[in-house]
Amino acid sequence: MNEDPTRALADRPRPQARKRIELPAPGAEAPARPSLRQLIGAYVSLTKPRIVELLLITTIPAMLVAARMEYDGLPSLTAVLATLIGGALAAGSANAINCYIDRDIDQLMARTSRRPLAKHQIPPRNALIFGLVIGAVAVLGMGLLVNWLAALLTFGAIVYYDVVYTIWLKRTTPYNTVWGGACGAAPVLIGWAAVTGHMSWMAWVLFAVVFLWQPPHFYVLAMKFKDDYAAAGIPMLPVVAPARRVAIESVVYGWAMLAVSLVAVPLGATWLYGIVAVVAGGLFVWECHKLLGRVNRGEDPKPMRLFHWSTSYLTLLFLALAADSFLM
């Protein structure tokens, strides 16, 4: 437990350099150009729509609760639409730039080998420009249509994800998932700021819930694709540490997440949110303990069971929070 886990990668083969792309010989048939539909699909794929969807699940409930607690009403439709569109563009921007930065390792992992840059569907320069442009539109749109605190938080989330996490943390420390969780939890703060123009204790509690939720959520995904990350030289915790340590940390973060989620009750959440937080959070922690039990018995850890439930947990908790806002 005290040994530096990054040493486990020392003897692993480093990622091989990408092969040179040979130009077709004179007279050879040129590869077919992608259709407009295929090209649009490739650019959409760069934004990782499923991740964007998960991020936005936390934004609307945060806005509803903020409006109810601050002025006992509902957020304006303009603020909601601008925040959702801006948030989707910002997340898409961060993901597209992430694909540009990670295009070397994406080709080495089976899970990511079908991404547009790994398959050479889009020139890397075009992908980078696309990500920067939609990011600029997101930040300016948030500033002009919502407020500049929400815009600043949006800009910070993009920079944190692509510079702090993707370029630095992801490739240097097994705690990349932990500290990288700040950008994944940022939509809560952005949604709150979009309504109120400032932060409150409730906003930070909800931020902490998502922040603590992310390590077990991504730990088990990394357990599933451990060989992929190892081949790419990425020191995810399941690559450099025993499965038991990963499971124990998942249990610890699960309990911390459950405890913090209950702090929202004395801050103003009602009985509906409290019941869902206890039941859904309890099932989350139970799945973490079941993962640890399977690892201790030397069985297949079945990490995707916890992964899928973790997604359901976050959705249920924030749906309850949204419904709860009408009972406050």
Protein backbone atom coordinates (compact mmCIF):
# COMPACT_ATOMS: atom_id res chain seq x y z
CA MET A 1 0.00 0.00 0.00
CA ASN A 2 2.94 2.39 0.69
CA GLU A 3 4.83 1.48 -2.45
CA ASP A 4 4.66 3.98 -5.28
CA PRO A 5 2.25 2.31 -7.72
CA THR A 6 3.67 4.14 -10.72
CA ARG A 7 6.75 1.93 -10.50
CA ALA A 8 4.62 -0.95 -11.73
CA LEU A 9 4.75 0.64 -15.16
CA ALA A 10 8.53 0.92 -15.22
CA ASP A 11 9.09 -2.45 -16.85
CA ARG A 12 6.12 -2.26 -19.18
CA PRO A 13 6.80 -1.73 -22.88
CA ARG A 14 6.12 1.85 -23.87
CA PRO A 15 3.59 2.60 -26.60
CA GLN A 16 4.99 1.99 -30.03
CA ALA A 17 5.33 4.90 -32.37
CA ARG A 18 2.58 5.20 -34.92
CA LYS A 19 3.36 3.74 -38.29
CA ARG A 20 4.03 6.10 -41.11
CA ILE A 21 1.07 6.59 -43.38
CA GLU A 22 2.26 5.53 -46.81
CA LEU A 23 1.02 7.53 -49.76
CA PRO A 24 -0.71 5.47 -52.44
CA ALA A 25 1.52 4.45 -55.30
CA PRO A 26 1.04 6.28 -58.61
CA GLY A 27 -1.95 4.87 -60.40
CA ALA A 28 -3.31 3.22 -57.28
CA GLU A 29 -6.94 3.81 -56.43
CA ALA A 30 -7.34 6.62 -53.88
CA PRO A 31 -9.42 5.86 -50.78
CA ALA A 32 -13.03 6.89 -51.05
CA ARG A 33 -13.82 10.27 -49.55
CA PRO A 34 -16.31 10.13 -46.69
CA SER A 35 -19.83 11.28 -47.44
CA LEU A 36 -21.21 14.40 -45.80
CA ARG A 37 -23.23 12.26 -43.43
CA GLN A 38 -20.14 10.26 -42.43
CA LEU A 39 -18.16 13.46 -41.91
CA ILE A 40 -20.84 15.01 -39.72
CA GLY A 41 -21.05 11.77 -37.76
CA ALA A 42 -17.29 11.81 -37.22
CA TYR A 43 -17.35 15.36 -35.84
CA VAL A 44 -20.29 14.51 -33.57
CA SER A 45 -18.39 11.45 -32.37
CA LEU A 46 -15.46 13.69 -31.40
CA THR A 47 -17.69 15.35 -28.80
CA LYS A 48 -18.49 11.99 -27.09
CA PRO A 49 -22.27 12.57 -26.88
CA ARG A 50 -22.90 9.94 -24.21
CA ILE A 51 -20.52 11.68 -21.81
CA VAL A 52 -22.13 15.04 -22.61
CA GLU A 53 -25.55 13.59 -21.79
CA LEU A 54 -24.34 12.32 -18.41
CA LEU A 55 -22.83 15.70 -17.54
CA LEU A 56 -26.05 17.56 -18.38
CA ILE A 57 -28.07 15.26 -16.09
CA THR A 58 -26.61 17.15 -13.13
CA THR A 59 -27.06 20.64 -14.57
CA ILE A 60 -30.85 21.08 -14.76
CA PRO A 61 -31.60 19.80 -11.23
CA ALA A 62 -28.92 22.12 -9.86
CA MET A 63 -30.59 25.03 -11.65
CA LEU A 64 -34.04 24.09 -10.34
CA VAL A 65 -32.85 23.80 -6.75
CA ALA A 66 -30.88 27.05 -7.00
CA ALA A 67 -33.92 28.93 -8.29
CA ARG A 68 -36.20 27.47 -5.62
CA MET A 69 -33.79 28.20 -2.76
CA GLU A 70 -32.76 31.67 -3.95
CA TYR A 71 -36.06 33.20 -5.01
CA ASP A 72 -38.71 30.50 -4.62
CA GLY A 73 -39.37 30.20 -8.34
CA LEU A 74 -38.17 28.57 -11.52
CA PRO A 75 -35.15 29.52 -13.63
CA SER A 76 -35.94 31.45 -16.78
CA LEU A 77 -36.32 29.42 -19.95
CA THR A 78 -33.62 31.54 -21.60
CA ALA A 79 -31.14 30.74 -18.83
CA VAL A 80 -31.96 27.02 -18.97
CA LEU A 81 -31.63 26.75 -22.75
CA ALA A 82 -28.48 28.88 -22.89
CA THR A 83 -26.88 26.87 -20.09
CA LEU A 84 -27.78 23.50 -21.61
CA ILE A 85 -26.60 24.46 -25.10
CA GLY A 86 -23.50 26.17 -23.74
CA GLY A 87 -22.77 23.23 -21.45
CA ALA A 88 -23.17 20.73 -24.28
CA LEU A 89 -20.87 22.76 -26.54
CA ALA A 90 -18.30 23.17 -23.75
CA ALA A 91 -18.28 19.46 -22.95
CA GLY A 92 -18.08 18.66 -26.65
CA SER A 93 -15.18 21.10 -27.00
CA ALA A 94 -13.27 19.54 -24.11
CA ASN A 95 -13.86 16.05 -25.52
CA ALA A 96 -12.82 17.00 -29.06
CA ILE A 97 -9.59 18.58 -27.81
CA ASN A 98 -9.06 15.50 -25.63
CA CYS A 99 -9.34 13.33 -28.75
CA TYR A 100 -6.74 15.53 -30.46
CA ILE A 101 -4.30 15.25 -27.54
CA ASP A 102 -4.86 11.52 -27.02
CA ARG A 103 -4.82 10.49 -30.69
CA ASP A 104 -1.52 8.67 -30.19
CA ILE A 105 -2.75 6.40 -27.38
CA ASP A 106 -6.28 6.04 -28.77
CA GLN A 107 -4.79 3.98 -31.61
CA LEU A 108 -3.25 1.59 -29.08
CA MET A 109 -6.41 0.79 -27.13
CA ALA A 110 -9.20 -1.40 -28.49
CA ARG A 111 -11.82 0.66 -26.62
CA THR A 112 -10.81 3.89 -28.36
CA SER A 113 -9.40 2.64 -31.65
CA ARG A 114 -12.63 3.48 -33.48
CA ARG A 115 -12.55 7.16 -32.60
CA PRO A 116 -12.40 9.49 -35.64
CA LEU A 117 -8.77 10.55 -35.23
CA ALA A 118 -7.60 7.02 -34.49
CA LYS A 119 -9.27 5.92 -37.75
CA HIS A 120 -7.91 8.98 -39.64
CA GLN A 121 -11.42 10.10 -40.58
CA ILE A 122 -10.64 13.72 -39.71
CA PRO A 123 -7.31 15.57 -39.95
CA PRO A 124 -6.02 16.29 -36.41
CA ARG A 125 -5.69 20.02 -37.15
CA ASN A 126 -9.36 20.19 -38.15
CA ALA A 127 -10.40 18.39 -34.97
CA LEU A 128 -8.43 20.84 -32.84
CA ILE A 129 -9.91 23.87 -34.61
CA PHE A 130 -13.40 22.39 -34.25
CA GLY A 131 -12.91 21.89 -30.50
CA LEU A 132 -11.51 25.38 -29.97
CA VAL A 133 -14.28 27.05 -31.99
CA ILE A 134 -17.20 25.38 -30.23
CA GLY A 135 -15.47 26.00 -26.90
CA ALA A 136 -15.18 29.71 -27.67
CA VAL A 137 -18.85 29.81 -28.72
CA ALA A 138 -19.83 28.08 -25.47
CA VAL A 139 -17.89 30.46 -23.21
CA LEU A 140 -18.96 33.64 -25.03
CA GLY A 141 -22.55 32.47 -25.24
CA MET A 142 -22.64 31.73 -21.50
CA GLY A 143 -21.15 35.14 -20.75
CA LEU A 144 -23.48 37.12 -22.99
CA LEU A 145 -26.70 35.18 -22.42
CA VAL A 146 -26.30 33.96 -18.82
CA ASN A 147 -23.58 35.59 -16.70
CA TRP A 148 -19.80 35.83 -16.62
CA LEU A 149 -19.34 33.66 -13.52
CA ALA A 150 -20.98 30.75 -15.37
CA ALA A 151 -18.80 31.56 -18.39
CA LEU A 152 -15.63 31.61 -16.26
CA LEU A 153 -16.50 28.25 -14.70
CA THR A 154 -17.20 26.84 -18.18
CA PHE A 155 -13.82 28.06 -19.45
CA GLY A 156 -12.11 26.67 -16.36
CA ALA A 157 -13.72 23.25 -16.82
CA ILE A 158 -12.49 23.00 -20.43
CA VAL A 159 -8.94 24.05 -19.51
CA TYR A 160 -8.84 21.75 -16.48
CA TYR A 161 -9.99 18.73 -18.45
CA ASP A 162 -7.66 19.20 -21.41
CA VAL A 163 -4.56 20.70 -19.79
CA VAL A 164 -4.55 19.55 -16.17
CA TYR A 165 -6.17 16.14 -16.64
CA THR A 166 -5.46 15.01 -20.20
CA ILE A 167 -1.95 16.39 -20.68
CA TRP A 168 -0.66 16.11 -17.11
CA LEU A 169 -2.58 13.92 -14.64
CA LYS A 170 -3.72 11.16 -16.98
CA ARG A 171 -0.21 10.24 -18.07
CA THR A 172 1.66 10.75 -14.81
CA THR A 173 -0.32 9.56 -11.76
CA PRO A 174 -2.71 6.74 -10.82
CA TYR A 175 -4.80 9.37 -9.05
CA ASN A 176 -5.68 10.98 -12.37
CA THR A 177 -9.26 9.78 -11.95
CA VAL A 178 -9.59 11.33 -8.50
CA TRP A 179 -8.25 14.82 -9.26
CA GLY A 180 -9.66 14.79 -12.77
CA GLY A 181 -13.09 14.50 -11.21
CA ALA A 182 -13.25 18.25 -10.65
CA CYS A 183 -14.14 18.95 -14.28
CA GLY A 184 -16.77 16.20 -14.29
CA ALA A 185 -18.47 17.78 -11.29
CA ALA A 186 -18.22 21.32 -12.69
CA PRO A 187 -21.67 21.28 -14.43
CA VAL A 188 -23.29 21.45 -10.98
CA LEU A 189 -21.47 24.68 -10.19
CA ILE A 190 -22.08 26.06 -13.68
CA GLY A 191 -25.81 25.38 -13.43
CA TRP A 192 -25.99 26.96 -9.98
CA ALA A 193 -24.02 30.03 -11.06
CA ALA A 194 -26.20 30.41 -14.16
CA VAL A 195 -29.23 30.97 -11.91
CA THR A 196 -27.80 32.83 -8.94
CA GLY A 197 -24.56 34.45 -10.12
CA HIS A 198 -22.79 33.13 -7.01
CA MET A 199 -22.06 29.91 -5.10
CA SER A 200 -23.68 28.49 -1.94
CA TRP A 201 -23.06 25.59 0.42
CA MET A 202 -25.68 23.48 -1.36
CA ALA A 203 -23.85 23.96 -4.66
CA TRP A 204 -20.57 22.79 -3.15
CA VAL A 205 -22.24 19.78 -1.50
CA LEU A 206 -23.72 18.66 -4.82
CA PHE A 207 -20.33 19.25 -6.47
CA ALA A 208 -18.71 17.04 -3.79
CA VAL A 209 -21.24 14.26 -4.38
CA VAL A 210 -20.35 14.06 -8.08
CA PHE A 211 -16.64 14.48 -7.32
CA LEU A 212 -16.67 11.51 -4.89
CA TRP A 213 -18.88 9.46 -7.22
CA GLN A 214 -16.37 9.55 -10.05
CA PRO A 215 -13.45 7.47 -8.67
CA PRO A 216 -15.43 4.23 -8.21
CA HIS A 217 -17.32 4.92 -11.45
CA PHE A 218 -14.11 5.16 -13.48
CA TYR A 219 -12.04 2.71 -11.41
CA VAL A 220 -14.27 -0.17 -12.45
CA LEU A 221 -14.23 0.95 -16.09
CA ALA A 222 -10.43 0.96 -15.91
CA MET A 223 -10.54 -2.53 -14.35
CA LYS A 224 -12.53 -3.74 -17.36
CA PHE A 225 -10.07 -2.20 -19.83
CA LYS A 226 -6.92 -2.62 -17.76
CA ASP A 227 -4.97 -4.24 -20.59
CA ASP A 228 -5.82 -1.34 -22.91
CA TYR A 229 -4.50 1.24 -20.48
CA ALA A 230 -1.40 -0.85 -19.77
CA ALA A 231 -0.64 -1.17 -23.48
CA ALA A 232 -0.86 2.61 -23.83
CA GLY A 233 1.30 3.25 -20.76
CA ILE A 234 -1.45 5.06 -18.85
CA PRO A 235 -1.04 4.55 -15.06
CA MET A 236 -4.68 4.09 -14.15
CA LEU A 237 -4.95 2.71 -10.62
CA PRO A 238 -6.18 -0.76 -11.73
CA VAL A 239 -3.09 -1.01 -13.98
CA VAL A 240 -0.50 -0.24 -11.31
CA ALA A 241 -2.15 -1.50 -8.11
CA PRO A 242 -3.72 -4.81 -6.99
CA ALA A 243 -7.43 -5.26 -7.61
CA ARG A 244 -7.99 -5.38 -3.84
CA ARG A 245 -6.64 -1.86 -3.40
CA VAL A 246 -8.90 -0.61 -6.20
CA ALA A 247 -11.92 -2.25 -4.59
CA ILE A 248 -11.07 -0.88 -1.13
CA GLU A 249 -10.74 2.65 -2.49
CA SER A 250 -14.08 2.22 -4.28
CA VAL A 251 -15.70 1.30 -0.95
CA VAL A 252 -14.13 4.31 0.78
CA TYR A 253 -15.25 6.75 -1.91
CA GLY A 254 -18.69 5.14 -2.01
CA TRP A 255 -19.24 5.67 1.73
CA ALA A 256 -17.89 9.23 1.51
CA MET A 257 -20.24 9.98 -1.38
CA LEU A 258 -23.24 8.61 0.54
CA ALA A 259 -22.37 10.65 3.64
CA VAL A 260 -21.89 13.89 1.72
CA SER A 261 -25.12 13.38 -0.25
CA LEU A 262 -27.05 13.40 3.04
CA VAL A 263 -25.62 16.78 4.01
CA ALA A 264 -27.97 18.29 1.41
CA VAL A 265 -30.96 17.42 3.64
CA PRO A 266 -30.24 19.87 6.50
CA LEU A 267 -29.29 22.46 3.87
CA GLY A 268 -32.79 22.45 2.42
CA ALA A 269 -33.48 19.22 0.49
CA THR A 270 -36.70 17.46 1.49
CA TRP A 271 -37.72 13.94 2.42
CA LEU A 272 -37.98 12.76 -1.21
CA TYR A 273 -34.35 13.48 -1.97
CA GLY A 274 -33.35 12.05 1.42
CA ILE A 275 -35.06 8.72 0.76
CA VAL A 276 -33.53 8.37 -2.72
CA ALA A 277 -30.10 9.39 -1.40
CA VAL A 278 -30.24 6.72 1.32
CA VAL A 279 -31.66 3.90 -0.82
CA ALA A 280 -29.78 4.53 -4.06
CA GLY A 281 -26.59 5.46 -2.22
CA GLY A 282 -26.90 2.41 -0.03
CA LEU A 283 -27.19 0.18 -3.09
CA PHE A 284 -24.15 1.90 -4.58
CA VAL A 285 -22.10 1.18 -1.46
CA TRP A 286 -23.42 -2.39 -1.38
CA GLU A 287 -22.20 -2.91 -4.95
CA CYS A 288 -18.80 -1.54 -3.92
CA HIS A 289 -18.64 -4.08 -1.07
CA LYS A 290 -19.73 -6.87 -3.41
CA LEU A 291 -16.89 -5.90 -5.75
CA LEU A 292 -14.44 -6.12 -2.83
CA GLY A 293 -15.89 -9.48 -1.79
CA ARG A 294 -15.45 -10.98 -5.25
CA VAL A 295 -11.87 -9.70 -5.40
CA ASN A 296 -11.07 -11.15 -1.94
CA ARG A 297 -12.45 -14.54 -3.02
CA GLY A 298 -10.39 -14.50 -6.20
CA GLU A 299 -13.51 -14.45 -8.39
CA ASP A 300 -14.27 -12.44 -11.50
CA PRO A 301 -14.79 -8.93 -10.06
CA LYS A 302 -17.51 -8.16 -12.64
CA PRO A 303 -16.64 -4.45 -12.56
CA MET A 304 -19.26 -3.40 -15.08
CA ARG A 305 -22.04 -4.21 -12.61
CA LEU A 306 -20.88 -1.35 -10.41
CA PHE A 307 -20.22 0.85 -13.45
CA HIS A 308 -23.77 0.53 -14.78
CA TRP A 309 -25.33 0.98 -11.35
CA SER A 310 -23.20 4.06 -10.71
CA THR A 311 -24.69 5.71 -13.80
CA SER A 312 -28.19 4.80 -12.63
CA TYR A 313 -27.43 6.14 -9.16
CA LEU A 314 -26.38 9.56 -10.40
CA THR A 315 -29.42 9.80 -12.67
CA LEU A 316 -31.85 8.79 -9.90
CA LEU A 317 -30.28 11.10 -7.33
CA PHE A 318 -30.47 14.19 -9.53
CA LEU A 319 -33.93 13.35 -10.83
CA ALA A 320 -35.02 13.17 -7.19
CA LEU A 321 -33.31 16.51 -6.60
CA ALA A 322 -35.23 18.03 -9.53
CA ALA A 323 -38.55 16.70 -8.24
CA ASP A 324 -37.55 17.73 -4.73
CA SER A 325 -37.21 21.35 -5.82
CA PHE A 326 -41.01 21.53 -6.25
CA LEU A 327 -41.54 20.33 -2.66
CA MET A 328 -39.25 22.88 -1.00
